[in-house]
């Protein structure tokens, strides 16, 4: 019983000191004592300090381990390296060599008593940038129009703004190909200068949209098209010539339509712009030069005979060419002639004899098949060609008259053209006199009774 009193006194003393010891431990932990690592509490991209997003303000739990912090002691998770570091108490401002945005994380490395765990980055301005069209100018030719755009709000990512794949341009509801276009962003003024390529020519009204373009804080811009108006060319195009191009196609099926200015490279290639009298139809259109549309037809387009209806064409800036019925010209016609002798051929048995002529230049098939434009005399007797069958092979440049009667070898015949149209529009009036030739096998008796 004599030892019990001191023990009870010690137990009571410990119980009385316990709250004080717990309070001391709590103060020590919250003050960054030696038992815990200093860590990042916030990391904020400071766009007010540096609008391109390369400055991060990092706030730590305490000042522990920060006094000697330098550029080697901070890094971003995408390989960003610190270019400059300034320490003010527990706040460290880091200037990076590359943009550090809310898509990234940052950390301290190699600092005694400081955690090296990555911390997410926030931004000081998460608002959505907008843009307005400052100017849009049409220039002569293809691939020379320009647009100037001004951004407002947080800066945009330079590499994205200069990427044509992140923009969509349209005129009259038709999407334009931005291949060959050059986008140049002035980061200081946030002004984007666009030099358009040859397939993106501005009409009087147009629309441009940013597609998948972000601010330096990784905020996506609206993809809603912004309308604009272009100035510089309000003059409709004029036709200089509609010339049959025999050098391109000797059969007269190609016509070059040349205008006094560049034509729209997107809409001008529709076959519907070039109408002909059936069965003649346009089959292909190509823009041979910026002001020349080369059209191929399924049949010869004969100068002085065939016409083409031009309809719905516009120049590069959308100015309409007046619809018109256009005659075809040929400034350098080719002299035509027979390619060798005209032949009249007999074949075995009854029927099947024919007259055939080949020329150096092709005929208009419709003209070549007209019996009124040919004269055939055999052994002094005129032949009624309306009762014969005429055929024409355009590619072989060959006219064949299948006869309804038999010829006799050695008889004289004359084939005379009476104004048959060459594919270049000239009238062919040549003739030839030759002798009938062909099957010479003598008949053989098969039986005798």
Foldseek 3Di string as FASTA:
>chain_A
DVPVPVVVVVVVVVVVCVVVVVVVVVVCVQALHPPAFKEWDAKEQECVVPLLQQKIKTAISWQPQPPPDFQVFKAKPVGWTFPGWDDDTRIIMTGTPDHDAQVIWMATPDGPRHDGDTDGYHYPFQDAKDKDWPAWEADFAFQATKTKMFIDDGAWNQVLQQDCVQKWKFDPPHTWDQPPKTWHADRVRRMIMIRGGRGDGAAQKMWMFGHQIAGSNRHGHDRDTDMDGYDYDQDWKDWPAWEQDCVVPLQQFKTKTFIPGFWNQPPPFDQVQKDWDPPKGWDGWDCPDRGIIMTGIPFHQEAPPIWIWGPDTTGNHRHDDDTDTGGYAYPDDDDKDWPDDWAWAFDPDWFFTKTKTAMPGAFRQVLLQDQVFKWKAWLNRTDDQVPWGWDADRVRSMIMTGDPGGHDFFIKMKMFGRQGQTSHGGGDTDMDIDTHYYDDDDDDDPDDD
